[in-house]
């Protein structure tokens, strides 16, 4: 056989293997997608069955308004000496 024929056979074999791998991967991904859809359908049906079991109860609840009064302490009589005021100001520098 000539070198060109051997090279053509090798190239065609590689192309054939790549195409086969491509198709097999497609089949695998398709089967995985089918399994995911089947699982999702089963889960949705199970959820629908559980939702059907819920019984609605209508109740009226009367609330009374409660008012809370908060007092904020005001320190009007809090006085500092000039020395303590200076030391407080030094803390914030």
C-alpha atoms as a PDB file:
ATOM      1  CA  UNK A   1       0.000   0.000   0.000  1.00  0.00           C
ATOM      2  CA  UNK A   2       1.120   3.450  -0.686  1.00  0.00           C
ATOM      3  CA  UNK A   3       1.693   6.026   2.022  1.00  0.00           C
ATOM      4  CA  UNK A   4      -1.255   8.132   0.842  1.00  0.00           C
ATOM      5  CA  UNK A   5      -3.698   5.251   1.205  1.00  0.00           C
ATOM      6  CA  UNK A   6      -2.412   4.461   4.710  1.00  0.00           C
ATOM      7  CA  UNK A   7      -2.721   8.132   5.684  1.00  0.00           C
ATOM      8  CA  UNK A   8      -6.262   8.294   4.236  1.00  0.00           C
ATOM      9  CA  UNK A   9      -7.251   5.164   6.172  1.00  0.00           C
ATOM     10  CA  UNK A  10      -5.855   6.620   9.409  1.00  0.00           C
ATOM     11  CA  UNK A  11      -7.579   9.996   8.870  1.00  0.00           C
ATOM     12  CA  UNK A  12     -10.903   8.333   8.008  1.00  0.00           C
ATOM     13  CA  UNK A  13     -10.595   6.048  11.047  1.00  0.00           C
ATOM     14  CA  UNK A  14      -9.980   9.017  13.336  1.00  0.00           C
ATOM     15  CA  UNK A  15     -12.919  10.900  11.820  1.00  0.00           C
ATOM     16  CA  UNK A  16     -15.097   7.807  12.206  1.00  0.00           C
ATOM     17  CA  UNK A  17     -14.078   7.376  15.846  1.00  0.00           C
ATOM     18  CA  UNK A  18     -14.756  11.029  16.581  1.00  0.00           C
ATOM     19  CA  UNK A  19     -18.174  10.858  14.911  1.00  0.00           C
ATOM     20  CA  UNK A  20     -19.012   7.670  16.810  1.00  0.00           C
ATOM     21  CA  UNK A  21     -17.955   9.293  20.082  1.00  0.00           C
ATOM     22  CA  UNK A  22     -20.040  12.334  19.253  1.00  0.00           C
ATOM     23  CA  UNK A  23     -23.156  10.240  18.635  1.00  0.00           C
ATOM     24  CA  UNK A  24     -22.623   8.073  21.705  1.00  0.00           C
ATOM     25  CA  UNK A  25     -22.184  11.186  23.872  1.00  0.00           C
ATOM     26  CA  UNK A  26     -25.433  12.547  22.434  1.00  0.00           C
ATOM     27  CA  UNK A  27     -27.224   9.320  23.294  1.00  0.00           C
ATOM     28  CA  UNK A  28     -25.798   9.395  26.828  1.00  0.00           C
ATOM     29  CA  UNK A  29     -26.801  13.033  27.395  1.00  0.00           C
ATOM     30  CA  UNK A  30     -30.232  12.316  25.950  1.00  0.00           C
ATOM     31  CA  UNK A  31     -30.758   9.423  28.331  1.00  0.00           C
ATOM     32  CA  UNK A  32     -29.614  11.571  31.266  1.00  0.00           C
ATOM     33  CA  UNK A  33     -32.047  14.321  30.241  1.00  0.00           C
ATOM     34  CA  UNK A  34     -34.828  11.746  29.952  1.00  0.00           C
ATOM     35  CA  UNK A  35     -34.068  10.508  33.481  1.00  0.00           C
ATOM     36  CA  UNK A  36     -34.116  14.084  34.800  1.00  0.00           C
ATOM     37  CA  UNK A  37     -37.476  14.765  33.146  1.00  0.00           C
ATOM     38  CA  UNK A  38     -38.955  11.530  34.492  1.00  0.00           C
ATOM     39  CA  UNK A  39     -37.723  12.360  37.997  1.00  0.00           C
ATOM     40  CA  UNK A  40     -39.110  15.896  37.771  1.00  0.00           C
ATOM     41  CA  UNK A  41     -42.471  14.557  36.575  1.00  0.00           C
ATOM     42  CA  UNK A  42     -42.632  12.051  39.437  1.00  0.00           C
ATOM     43  CA  UNK A  43     -41.744  14.777  41.955  1.00  0.00           C
ATOM     44  CA  UNK A  44     -44.343  17.165  40.510  1.00  0.00           C
ATOM     45  CA  UNK A  45     -47.044  14.489  40.622  1.00  0.00           C
ATOM     46  CA  UNK A  46     -46.157  13.607  44.215  1.00  0.00           C
ATOM     47  CA  UNK A  47     -46.295  17.279  45.188  1.00  0.00           C
ATOM     48  CA  UNK A  48     -49.679  17.656  43.471  1.00  0.00           C
ATOM     49  CA  UNK A  49     -51.036  14.672  45.388  1.00  0.00           C
ATOM     50  CA  UNK A  50     -49.829  16.125  48.695  1.00  0.00           C
ATOM     51  CA  UNK A  51     -51.338  19.523  47.846  1.00  0.00           C
ATOM     52  CA  UNK A  52     -54.688  17.833  47.152  1.00  0.00           C
ATOM     53  CA  UNK A  53     -54.655  16.443  50.697  1.00  0.00           C
ATOM     54  CA  UNK A  54     -54.514  19.907  52.254  1.00  0.00           C
ATOM     55  CA  UNK A  55     -57.866  20.956  53.641  1.00  0.00           C
ATOM     56  CA  UNK A  56     -58.623  24.632  53.813  1.00  0.00           C
ATOM     57  CA  UNK A  57     -59.985  26.022  57.050  1.00  0.00           C
ATOM     58  CA  UNK A  58     -61.521  29.474  57.065  1.00  0.00           C
ATOM     59  CA  UNK A  59     -61.226  31.162  60.428  1.00  0.00           C
ATOM     60  CA  UNK A  60     -61.737  34.742  61.460  1.00  0.00           C
ATOM     61  CA  UNK A  61     -59.304  36.132  63.952  1.00  0.00           C
ATOM     62  CA  UNK A  62     -60.111  39.364  65.705  1.00  0.00           C
ATOM     63  CA  UNK A  63     -57.149  41.403  66.802  1.00  0.00           C
ATOM     64  CA  UNK A  64     -57.173  44.146  69.354  1.00  0.00           C
ATOM     65  CA  UNK A  65     -54.918  47.104  68.844  1.00  0.00           C
ATOM     66  CA  UNK A  66     -52.301  47.415  71.526  1.00  0.00           C
ATOM     67  CA  UNK A  67     -50.548  50.719  72.025  1.00  0.00           C
ATOM     68  CA  UNK A  68     -47.134  50.820  73.623  1.00  0.00           C
ATOM     69  CA  UNK A  69     -45.765  54.040  74.932  1.00  0.00           C
ATOM     70  CA  UNK A  70     -42.034  54.385  75.015  1.00  0.00           C
ATOM     71  CA  UNK A  71     -40.311  57.011  77.042  1.00  0.00           C
ATOM     72  CA  UNK A  72     -36.915  58.231  76.022  1.00  0.00           C
ATOM     73  CA  UNK A  73     -34.803  59.369  78.952  1.00  0.00           C
ATOM     74  CA  UNK A  74     -33.484  62.876  78.633  1.00  0.00           C
ATOM     75  CA  UNK A  75     -30.467  63.694  80.683  1.00  0.00           C
ATOM     76  CA  UNK A  76     -31.031  67.402  81.275  1.00  0.00           C
ATOM     77  CA  UNK A  77     -29.348  67.417  84.610  1.00  0.00           C
ATOM     78  CA  UNK A  78     -26.236  65.580  83.495  1.00  0.00           C
ATOM     79  CA  UNK A  79     -23.386  68.020  83.823  1.00  0.00           C
ATOM     80  CA  UNK A  80     -19.665  67.526  83.417  1.00  0.00           C
ATOM     81  CA  UNK A  81     -16.858  69.430  84.973  1.00  0.00           C
ATOM     82  CA  UNK A  82     -14.512  71.203  82.538  1.00  0.00           C
ATOM     83  CA  UNK A  83     -11.783  68.609  83.194  1.00  0.00           C
ATOM     84  CA  UNK A  84     -14.040  65.654  82.498  1.00  0.00           C
ATOM     85  CA  UNK A  85     -15.413  67.387  79.386  1.00  0.00           C
ATOM     86  CA  UNK A  86     -11.861  67.853  78.084  1.00  0.00           C
ATOM     87  CA  UNK A  87     -11.018  64.213  78.729  1.00  0.00           C
ATOM     88  CA  UNK A  88     -14.155  63.121  76.863  1.00  0.00           C
ATOM     89  CA  UNK A  89     -13.227  65.296  73.890  1.00  0.00           C
ATOM     90  CA  UNK A  90      -9.703  63.852  73.883  1.00  0.00           C
ATOM     91  CA  UNK A  91     -11.148  60.367  73.514  1.00  0.00           C
ATOM     92  CA  UNK A  92     -12.782  61.321  70.222  1.00  0.00           C
ATOM     93  CA  UNK A  93      -9.661  62.885  68.676  1.00  0.00           C
END
